[in-house]
Amino acid sequence: MNKQIAVNVQTIIDAETIVASGSYETSAIDLGNINGTMSLQYAITGDGTLKITYTVSNDGVNYVLPTGGADIAANLTKSSGTSGKDIIAFTPPLAKFLKIKATETGTSNSATITLTAAIK
C-alpha cells in the first residue's frame, strides 16, 4: 500500500509587479510542520530581472539570512525556464519562520512574478 505524503501548496506572491530596483517580501511562512523539503514555482512576465532570496527567524520578529545562506535563484527573466516558468527545489534551514523576497536587479525595467510554494 502506498503511503500518502501531505504537500501544502500555497501562492505566496500573486502577480506582484516589482518596479526597477524594487522588491516584494512575503509575510511569514510557518515552517513548524514541514519535513525540510520545499519547491518554489515561478511565473515571470515583463522586462525586468529578478532574484529570489530568503530570511528566517525563530522568534517571528528578527529575520536574518543565515550564515552560509545564498540566493535561492538569480538572473530570472521572462525567458528563464520555459517561457518564464520553472520550479526551483529549496531546502530551508531549520527555523520556525521563513520569508521569501523577490528583488528586481536589472535597475531599468519592472517584472511581474507569481510564486507558488509546495511544502512537505
N, C-alpha and C. Protein backbone atom coordinates (compact mmCIF):
# COMPACT_ATOMS: atom_id res chain seq x y z
N MET A 1 0.84 -1.17 0.00
CA MET A 1 0.00 0.00 0.00
C MET A 1 0.88 1.24 0.00
N ASN A 2 0.55 2.20 -0.84
CA ASN A 2 1.30 3.45 -0.92
C ASN A 2 0.92 4.37 0.23
N LYS A 3 1.92 4.96 0.83
CA LYS A 3 1.67 5.92 1.90
C LYS A 3 1.54 7.32 1.30
N GLN A 4 0.47 8.01 1.64
CA GLN A 4 0.25 9.37 1.15
C GLN A 4 1.11 10.34 1.94
N ILE A 5 1.76 11.25 1.26
CA ILE A 5 2.55 12.29 1.90
C ILE A 5 1.88 13.62 1.61
N ALA A 6 1.51 14.32 2.67
CA ALA A 6 0.81 15.59 2.51
C ALA A 6 1.76 16.67 1.98
N VAL A 7 1.32 17.39 0.99
CA VAL A 7 2.06 18.52 0.44
C VAL A 7 1.14 19.73 0.47
N ASN A 8 1.58 20.77 1.13
CA ASN A 8 0.82 22.01 1.22
C ASN A 8 1.26 22.93 0.10
N VAL A 9 0.33 23.36 -0.74
CA VAL A 9 0.64 24.25 -1.86
C VAL A 9 -0.05 25.58 -1.60
N GLN A 10 0.73 26.66 -1.74
CA GLN A 10 0.21 27.99 -1.42
C GLN A 10 0.87 29.03 -2.33
N THR A 11 0.04 29.90 -2.92
CA THR A 11 0.59 31.01 -3.69
C THR A 11 1.05 32.07 -2.69
N ILE A 12 2.33 32.36 -2.68
CA ILE A 12 2.88 33.30 -1.69
C ILE A 12 3.15 34.68 -2.28
N ILE A 13 3.27 34.77 -3.60
CA ILE A 13 3.32 36.06 -4.30
C ILE A 13 2.39 35.91 -5.50
N ASP A 14 1.38 36.77 -5.58
CA ASP A 14 0.34 36.62 -6.59
C ASP A 14 0.34 37.79 -7.57
N ALA A 15 0.98 37.58 -8.72
CA ALA A 15 1.02 38.57 -9.81
C ALA A 15 1.46 39.94 -9.29
N GLU A 16 2.54 39.96 -8.54
CA GLU A 16 3.06 41.21 -7.97
C GLU A 16 4.04 41.84 -8.96
N THR A 17 3.78 43.11 -9.33
CA THR A 17 4.70 43.83 -10.20
C THR A 17 5.75 44.51 -9.35
N ILE A 18 6.99 44.19 -9.66
CA ILE A 18 8.12 44.75 -8.91
C ILE A 18 8.82 45.75 -9.82
N VAL A 19 8.82 47.00 -9.39
CA VAL A 19 9.41 48.08 -10.20
C VAL A 19 10.92 47.94 -10.23
N ALA A 20 11.55 48.64 -11.17
CA ALA A 20 13.01 48.62 -11.28
C ALA A 20 13.65 48.92 -9.93
N SER A 21 14.58 48.07 -9.52
CA SER A 21 15.30 48.17 -8.24
C SER A 21 14.41 48.00 -7.01
N GLY A 22 13.17 47.60 -7.20
CA GLY A 22 12.26 47.41 -6.09
C GLY A 22 12.26 45.97 -5.61
N SER A 23 11.47 45.71 -4.57
CA SER A 23 11.37 44.35 -4.04
C SER A 23 10.00 44.12 -3.40
N TYR A 24 9.69 42.87 -3.19
CA TYR A 24 8.46 42.47 -2.51
C TYR A 24 8.82 41.30 -1.60
N GLU A 25 8.38 41.39 -0.34
CA GLU A 25 8.65 40.33 0.63
C GLU A 25 7.34 39.72 1.11
N THR A 26 7.30 38.40 1.21
CA THR A 26 6.10 37.72 1.67
C THR A 26 5.91 37.91 3.17
N SER A 27 4.73 37.61 3.61
CA SER A 27 4.51 37.52 5.05
C SER A 27 5.19 36.23 5.52
N ALA A 28 5.25 36.06 6.82
CA ALA A 28 5.95 34.90 7.39
C ALA A 28 5.24 33.59 7.02
N ILE A 29 6.04 32.61 6.70
CA ILE A 29 5.57 31.25 6.43
C ILE A 29 6.00 30.40 7.61
N ASP A 30 5.05 29.76 8.28
CA ASP A 30 5.35 28.93 9.45
C ASP A 30 5.93 27.60 8.97
N LEU A 31 7.16 27.32 9.35
CA LEU A 31 7.83 26.08 8.94
C LEU A 31 7.69 24.98 9.99
N GLY A 32 6.86 25.21 11.00
CA GLY A 32 6.75 24.28 12.11
C GLY A 32 6.37 22.86 11.74
N ASN A 33 5.66 22.67 10.65
CA ASN A 33 5.19 21.33 10.29
C ASN A 33 5.82 20.78 9.02
N ILE A 34 6.92 21.35 8.57
CA ILE A 34 7.49 20.84 7.32
C ILE A 34 8.57 19.80 7.60
N ASN A 35 8.86 19.05 6.57
CA ASN A 35 9.82 17.98 6.67
C ASN A 35 11.11 18.35 5.94
N GLY A 36 11.38 19.65 5.77
CA GLY A 36 12.62 20.09 5.18
C GLY A 36 12.66 20.20 3.68
N THR A 37 11.58 19.84 3.01
CA THR A 37 11.56 19.88 1.56
C THR A 37 10.59 20.95 1.09
N MET A 38 11.02 21.72 0.09
CA MET A 38 10.19 22.81 -0.42
C MET A 38 10.55 23.05 -1.88
N SER A 39 9.56 23.47 -2.66
CA SER A 39 9.86 23.92 -4.01
C SER A 39 9.10 25.22 -4.25
N LEU A 40 9.64 26.03 -5.13
CA LEU A 40 9.03 27.30 -5.50
C LEU A 40 8.81 27.29 -7.01
N GLN A 41 7.57 27.46 -7.42
CA GLN A 41 7.24 27.54 -8.83
C GLN A 41 7.01 29.00 -9.17
N TYR A 42 7.75 29.50 -10.17
CA TYR A 42 7.59 30.90 -10.54
C TYR A 42 7.05 31.05 -11.95
N ALA A 43 6.39 32.18 -12.15
CA ALA A 43 5.96 32.62 -13.48
C ALA A 43 6.31 34.11 -13.55
N ILE A 44 7.12 34.49 -14.52
CA ILE A 44 7.61 35.86 -14.65
C ILE A 44 7.23 36.43 -16.00
N THR A 45 6.72 37.68 -15.97
CA THR A 45 6.47 38.43 -17.19
C THR A 45 7.11 39.80 -17.03
N GLY A 46 7.18 40.57 -18.10
CA GLY A 46 7.80 41.88 -18.05
C GLY A 46 9.26 41.80 -18.43
N ASP A 47 9.92 42.95 -18.49
CA ASP A 47 11.29 43.00 -18.99
C ASP A 47 12.34 43.09 -17.90
N GLY A 48 11.95 43.03 -16.64
CA GLY A 48 12.91 43.10 -15.54
C GLY A 48 13.63 41.78 -15.30
N THR A 49 14.60 41.84 -14.40
CA THR A 49 15.39 40.69 -13.97
C THR A 49 15.21 40.54 -12.47
N LEU A 50 14.91 39.33 -12.02
CA LEU A 50 14.61 39.12 -10.60
C LEU A 50 15.59 38.16 -9.94
N LYS A 51 15.76 38.35 -8.64
CA LYS A 51 16.40 37.32 -7.82
C LYS A 51 15.45 37.00 -6.68
N ILE A 52 15.53 35.77 -6.20
CA ILE A 52 14.69 35.32 -5.10
C ILE A 52 15.61 34.96 -3.94
N THR A 53 15.34 35.56 -2.80
CA THR A 53 16.14 35.33 -1.60
C THR A 53 15.21 34.96 -0.44
N TYR A 54 15.80 34.66 0.70
CA TYR A 54 15.01 34.30 1.86
C TYR A 54 15.67 34.79 3.14
N THR A 55 14.86 34.92 4.17
CA THR A 55 15.35 35.14 5.52
C THR A 55 14.56 34.21 6.44
N VAL A 56 15.14 33.89 7.59
CA VAL A 56 14.49 33.00 8.55
C VAL A 56 14.51 33.62 9.93
N SER A 57 13.62 33.10 10.78
CA SER A 57 13.52 33.59 12.15
C SER A 57 13.03 32.47 13.06
N ASN A 58 13.52 32.47 14.29
CA ASN A 58 12.98 31.55 15.30
C ASN A 58 12.00 32.24 16.22
N ASP A 59 12.06 33.58 16.30
CA ASP A 59 11.17 34.30 17.21
C ASP A 59 10.04 35.04 16.49
N GLY A 60 10.02 35.02 15.15
CA GLY A 60 8.97 35.70 14.40
C GLY A 60 9.11 37.20 14.35
N VAL A 61 10.21 37.74 14.87
CA VAL A 61 10.44 39.18 14.91
C VAL A 61 11.70 39.55 14.15
N ASN A 62 12.78 38.89 14.45
CA ASN A 62 14.09 39.19 13.86
C ASN A 62 14.39 38.17 12.76
N TYR A 63 14.37 38.66 11.50
CA TYR A 63 14.63 37.81 10.34
C TYR A 63 16.04 38.05 9.83
N VAL A 64 16.76 36.97 9.55
CA VAL A 64 18.15 37.07 9.10
C VAL A 64 18.41 36.10 7.96
N LEU A 65 19.40 36.42 7.15
CA LEU A 65 19.95 35.46 6.21
C LEU A 65 20.95 34.63 7.00
N PRO A 66 20.74 33.33 7.13
CA PRO A 66 21.63 32.54 7.97
C PRO A 66 23.05 32.46 7.41
N THR A 67 24.00 32.22 8.30
CA THR A 67 25.38 32.04 7.89
C THR A 67 25.44 30.96 6.82
N GLY A 68 26.10 31.25 5.72
CA GLY A 68 26.20 30.31 4.61
C GLY A 68 25.01 30.37 3.66
N GLY A 69 24.01 31.21 3.97
CA GLY A 69 22.84 31.33 3.11
C GLY A 69 23.18 32.01 1.81
N ALA A 70 22.42 31.73 0.78
CA ALA A 70 22.66 32.32 -0.54
C ALA A 70 21.31 32.57 -1.22
N ASP A 71 21.35 33.25 -2.36
CA ASP A 71 20.14 33.46 -3.15
C ASP A 71 19.52 32.10 -3.49
N ILE A 72 18.20 32.05 -3.51
CA ILE A 72 17.52 30.84 -3.99
C ILE A 72 17.69 30.76 -5.50
N ALA A 73 17.56 31.89 -6.18
CA ALA A 73 17.76 31.96 -7.63
C ALA A 73 18.07 33.40 -8.00
N ALA A 74 18.81 33.59 -9.08
CA ALA A 74 19.17 34.93 -9.54
C ALA A 74 19.08 34.98 -11.06
N ASN A 75 19.05 36.20 -11.58
CA ASN A 75 19.01 36.44 -13.03
C ASN A 75 17.80 35.79 -13.71
N LEU A 76 16.66 35.81 -13.02
CA LEU A 76 15.44 35.24 -13.60
C LEU A 76 14.73 36.29 -14.46
N THR A 77 14.31 35.87 -15.64
CA THR A 77 13.60 36.75 -16.57
C THR A 77 12.43 36.01 -17.19
N LYS A 78 11.70 36.71 -18.05
CA LYS A 78 10.58 36.09 -18.76
C LYS A 78 11.05 34.97 -19.70
N SER A 79 12.37 34.87 -19.91
CA SER A 79 12.94 33.81 -20.75
C SER A 79 13.51 32.65 -19.94
N SER A 80 13.53 32.78 -18.61
CA SER A 80 14.08 31.72 -17.77
C SER A 80 13.17 30.50 -17.78
N GLY A 81 13.76 29.34 -17.53
CA GLY A 81 12.96 28.12 -17.53
C GLY A 81 12.30 27.93 -18.87
N THR A 82 11.02 27.66 -18.85
CA THR A 82 10.23 27.53 -20.08
C THR A 82 9.32 28.73 -20.16
N SER A 83 9.70 29.71 -20.96
CA SER A 83 8.92 30.94 -21.14
C SER A 83 8.61 31.64 -19.82
N GLY A 84 9.63 31.72 -18.96
CA GLY A 84 9.48 32.43 -17.70
C GLY A 84 8.84 31.63 -16.60
N LYS A 85 8.76 30.32 -16.76
CA LYS A 85 8.15 29.45 -15.76
C LYS A 85 9.10 28.30 -15.43
N ASP A 86 9.20 28.00 -14.12
CA ASP A 86 10.05 26.88 -13.70
C ASP A 86 9.75 26.56 -12.25
N ILE A 87 10.32 25.48 -11.76
CA ILE A 87 10.25 25.10 -10.36
C ILE A 87 11.66 24.96 -9.82
N ILE A 88 11.89 25.57 -8.64
CA ILE A 88 13.20 25.55 -8.00
C ILE A 88 13.08 24.76 -6.71
N ALA A 89 13.92 23.73 -6.54
CA ALA A 89 13.98 23.00 -5.28
C ALA A 89 14.74 23.84 -4.26
N PHE A 90 14.25 23.83 -3.03
CA PHE A 90 14.85 24.67 -1.99
C PHE A 90 14.67 23.97 -0.65
N THR A 91 15.75 23.82 0.10
CA THR A 91 15.67 23.25 1.43
C THR A 91 16.03 24.34 2.43
N PRO A 92 15.02 24.88 3.11
CA PRO A 92 15.30 25.94 4.08
C PRO A 92 16.04 25.37 5.29
N PRO A 93 16.83 26.20 5.96
CA PRO A 93 17.50 25.73 7.17
C PRO A 93 16.47 25.54 8.29
N LEU A 94 16.86 24.84 9.33
CA LEU A 94 15.99 24.64 10.47
C LEU A 94 15.66 25.98 11.11
N ALA A 95 14.40 26.36 11.07
CA ALA A 95 13.93 27.62 11.65
C ALA A 95 12.41 27.53 11.75
N LYS A 96 11.82 28.36 12.57
CA LYS A 96 10.37 28.36 12.76
C LYS A 96 9.64 29.10 11.65
N PHE A 97 10.22 30.22 11.17
CA PHE A 97 9.56 31.06 10.16
C PHE A 97 10.49 31.37 9.00
N LEU A 98 9.88 31.61 7.85
CA LEU A 98 10.60 31.91 6.61
C LEU A 98 9.88 33.03 5.88
N LYS A 99 10.64 33.95 5.30
CA LYS A 99 10.09 34.94 4.37
C LYS A 99 10.86 34.82 3.06
N ILE A 100 10.14 34.96 1.96
CA ILE A 100 10.73 34.94 0.62
C ILE A 100 10.65 36.35 0.06
N LYS A 101 11.71 36.77 -0.61
CA LYS A 101 11.77 38.12 -1.18
C LYS A 101 12.16 38.03 -2.65
N ALA A 102 11.42 38.76 -3.48
CA ALA A 102 11.76 38.90 -4.90
C ALA A 102 12.24 40.33 -5.12
N THR A 103 13.41 40.48 -5.73
CA THR A 103 14.02 41.79 -5.95
C THR A 103 14.34 41.97 -7.43
N GLU A 104 13.97 43.11 -7.98
CA GLU A 104 14.32 43.43 -9.37
C GLU A 104 15.74 43.95 -9.36
N THR A 105 16.63 43.31 -10.12
CA THR A 105 18.05 43.65 -10.11
C THR A 105 18.55 44.29 -11.40
N GLY A 106 17.71 44.38 -12.41
CA GLY A 106 18.14 44.95 -13.68
C GLY A 106 18.20 46.46 -13.69
N THR A 107 17.55 47.10 -12.74
CA THR A 107 17.55 48.55 -12.47
C THR A 107 16.85 49.43 -13.50
N SER A 108 16.28 48.88 -14.56
CA SER A 108 15.62 49.77 -15.52
C SER A 108 14.22 49.33 -15.93
N ASN A 109 13.83 48.09 -15.66
CA ASN A 109 12.50 47.61 -16.06
C ASN A 109 11.82 46.88 -14.91
N SER A 110 10.52 46.82 -14.96
CA SER A 110 9.77 46.08 -13.95
C SER A 110 9.54 44.64 -14.41
N ALA A 111 9.19 43.80 -13.45
CA ALA A 111 8.83 42.41 -13.74
C ALA A 111 7.67 42.03 -12.83
N THR A 112 6.81 41.17 -13.33
CA THR A 112 5.69 40.67 -12.54
C THR A 112 5.94 39.20 -12.26
N ILE A 113 5.75 38.82 -10.98
CA ILE A 113 6.02 37.44 -10.57
C ILE A 113 4.85 36.87 -9.79
N THR A 114 4.56 35.62 -10.07
CA THR A 114 3.70 34.79 -9.24
C THR A 114 4.59 33.67 -8.74
N LEU A 115 4.54 33.43 -7.43
CA LEU A 115 5.40 32.44 -6.80
C LEU A 115 4.53 31.53 -5.94
N THR A 116 4.56 30.25 -6.26
CA THR A 116 3.77 29.27 -5.53
C THR A 116 4.71 28.29 -4.83
N ALA A 117 4.50 28.11 -3.53
CA ALA A 117 5.35 27.21 -2.74
C ALA A 117 4.64 25.89 -2.51
N ALA A 118 5.40 24.81 -2.63
CA ALA A 118 4.94 23.48 -2.24
C ALA A 118 5.83 23.05 -1.08
N ILE A 119 5.19 22.75 0.04
CA ILE A 119 5.94 22.45 1.26
C ILE A 119 5.52 21.07 1.77
N LYS A 120 6.54 20.24 2.05
CA LYS A 120 6.25 18.90 2.58
C LYS A 120 6.67 18.84 4.02
